[in-house]
Amino acid sequence: MTDRIPDTPLLDRARANAGYALNKMAMGLSTPEGRAAFLADEDGYLDRFPLSPAQRDAVKTRDWAEMVRLGGNLFYILKISAVDPTPIRAIGAAQAGMSLEDFLDQRLGKVANG
């Protein structure tokens, strides 16, 4: 897929269709049963969904920007981050291609205090 805005994956129809399984998997984490299954056996949970190898790898490595590029809707991807838990500011930094410290300083005008 070619993005109309460089380095900005737009969630258009093609990307949404490509990310259907990824988003469905992440939506399953809305239930206590889904979260428990994911935490107990992540590979087993991911096997329930027809993820592409690239999608599976992005989930396993928590590559937030790649999940979006592969059709993940940020709303659903945040469900994965909630299970980890990964702070949303860390996802923002990854999306911007910045370290968390730089992101907090440059984008939010804040300094991390540990």
Protein backbone atom coordinates (compact mmCIF):
# COMPACT_ATOMS: atom_id res chain seq x y z
CA MET A 1 0.00 0.00 0.00
CA THR A 2 1.22 3.46 -0.87
CA ASP A 3 0.33 6.24 1.52
CA ARG A 4 -0.79 9.60 0.20
CA ILE A 5 1.03 11.35 3.05
CA PRO A 6 4.65 10.16 3.42
CA ASP A 7 5.30 8.19 6.60
CA THR A 8 1.61 8.39 7.58
CA PRO A 9 -0.36 5.17 7.17
CA LEU A 10 -3.97 6.18 6.58
CA LEU A 11 -6.64 3.72 7.64
CA ASP A 12 -8.40 3.58 4.29
CA ARG A 13 -10.55 0.74 3.00
CA ALA A 14 -7.63 -1.32 1.69
CA ARG A 15 -5.67 -1.03 4.93
CA ALA A 16 -8.76 -1.71 7.05
CA ASN A 17 -9.51 -4.84 5.02
CA ALA A 18 -5.90 -5.99 5.33
CA GLY A 19 -6.03 -5.42 9.10
CA TYR A 20 -9.35 -7.14 9.77
CA ALA A 21 -7.85 -10.20 11.51
CA LEU A 22 -5.44 -8.06 13.52
CA ASN A 23 -8.25 -5.80 14.70
CA LYS A 24 -10.52 -8.75 15.45
CA MET A 25 -7.76 -10.35 17.53
CA ALA A 26 -7.19 -7.13 19.46
CA MET A 27 -10.92 -6.63 20.01
CA GLY A 28 -11.02 -10.06 21.64
CA LEU A 29 -8.94 -8.55 24.42
CA SER A 30 -12.01 -6.57 25.50
CA THR A 31 -13.24 -9.54 27.49
CA PRO A 32 -11.71 -10.93 30.68
CA GLU A 33 -11.53 -14.35 28.98
CA GLY A 34 -9.64 -12.94 26.00
CA ARG A 35 -7.14 -11.12 28.20
CA ALA A 36 -6.60 -14.20 30.35
CA ALA A 37 -6.04 -16.38 27.26
CA PHE A 38 -3.58 -13.86 25.79
CA LEU A 39 -1.61 -13.60 29.02
CA ALA A 40 -1.57 -17.36 29.62
CA ASP A 41 -0.51 -18.37 26.09
CA GLU A 42 0.05 -15.52 23.66
CA ASP A 43 0.98 -17.80 20.76
CA GLY A 44 -2.07 -19.97 21.36
CA TYR A 45 -4.31 -16.91 21.45
CA LEU A 46 -2.80 -15.51 18.24
CA ASP A 47 -3.31 -18.90 16.55
CA ARG A 48 -7.07 -18.34 16.82
CA PHE A 49 -6.89 -15.61 14.19
CA PRO A 50 -5.69 -15.67 10.55
CA LEU A 51 -2.95 -13.10 11.10
CA SER A 52 -0.33 -12.63 8.43
CA PRO A 53 3.21 -13.50 9.51
CA ALA A 54 4.05 -9.78 9.52
CA GLN A 55 1.04 -8.97 11.71
CA ARG A 56 1.88 -11.76 14.12
CA ASP A 57 5.48 -10.57 14.34
CA ALA A 58 4.37 -6.96 14.94
CA VAL A 59 2.15 -8.09 17.82
CA LYS A 60 4.84 -10.33 19.31
CA THR A 61 7.46 -7.56 19.18
CA ARG A 62 4.96 -4.85 20.16
CA ASP A 63 5.87 -2.86 17.07
CA TRP A 64 3.04 -0.35 17.40
CA ALA A 65 3.84 1.61 14.25
CA GLU A 66 4.05 -1.58 12.18
CA MET A 67 0.70 -2.77 13.52
CA VAL A 68 -0.87 0.45 12.25
CA ARG A 69 0.93 0.13 8.90
CA LEU A 70 -0.45 -3.41 8.59
CA GLY A 71 -4.03 -2.27 9.07
CA GLY A 72 -4.37 -2.06 12.80
CA ASN A 73 -6.77 0.56 14.06
CA LEU A 74 -5.21 2.41 16.98
CA PHE A 75 -8.41 1.99 19.01
CA TYR A 76 -7.98 -1.79 18.88
CA ILE A 77 -4.21 -1.75 19.20
CA LEU A 78 -4.60 0.09 22.49
CA LYS A 79 -6.33 -3.04 23.80
CA ILE A 80 -3.05 -4.91 23.29
CA SER A 81 -1.18 -2.17 25.12
CA ALA A 82 -3.60 -2.38 28.04
CA VAL A 83 -2.82 -6.07 28.52
CA ASP A 84 0.96 -5.46 28.65
CA PRO A 85 0.51 -2.65 30.02
CA THR A 86 2.27 -0.19 27.75
CA PRO A 87 1.65 3.53 28.42
CA ILE A 88 -0.06 5.33 25.55
CA ARG A 89 2.76 7.90 25.53
CA ALA A 90 5.19 5.10 24.64
CA ILE A 91 2.98 4.18 21.69
CA GLY A 92 2.89 7.84 20.65
CA ALA A 93 6.68 7.95 20.77
CA ALA A 94 6.92 4.79 18.66
CA GLN A 95 4.44 6.19 16.13
CA ALA A 96 6.53 9.38 15.89
CA GLY A 97 9.78 7.41 15.57
CA MET A 98 11.16 9.06 18.70
CA SER A 99 12.51 7.93 22.03
CA LEU A 100 10.04 8.29 24.87
CA GLU A 101 12.19 11.00 26.46
CA ASP A 102 12.35 13.03 23.24
CA PHE A 103 8.64 12.54 22.64
CA LEU A 104 7.73 13.77 26.11
CA ASP A 105 10.01 16.75 25.76
CA GLN A 106 9.41 17.75 22.13
CA ARG A 107 5.79 16.77 21.59
CA LEU A 108 4.29 17.19 25.02
CA GLY A 109 6.67 19.75 26.51
CA LYS A 110 7.20 17.60 29.58
CA VAL A 111 10.15 16.07 31.32
CA ALA A 112 10.00 12.47 32.54
CA ASN A 113 10.52 12.12 36.27
CA GLY A 114 11.15 8.37 36.36
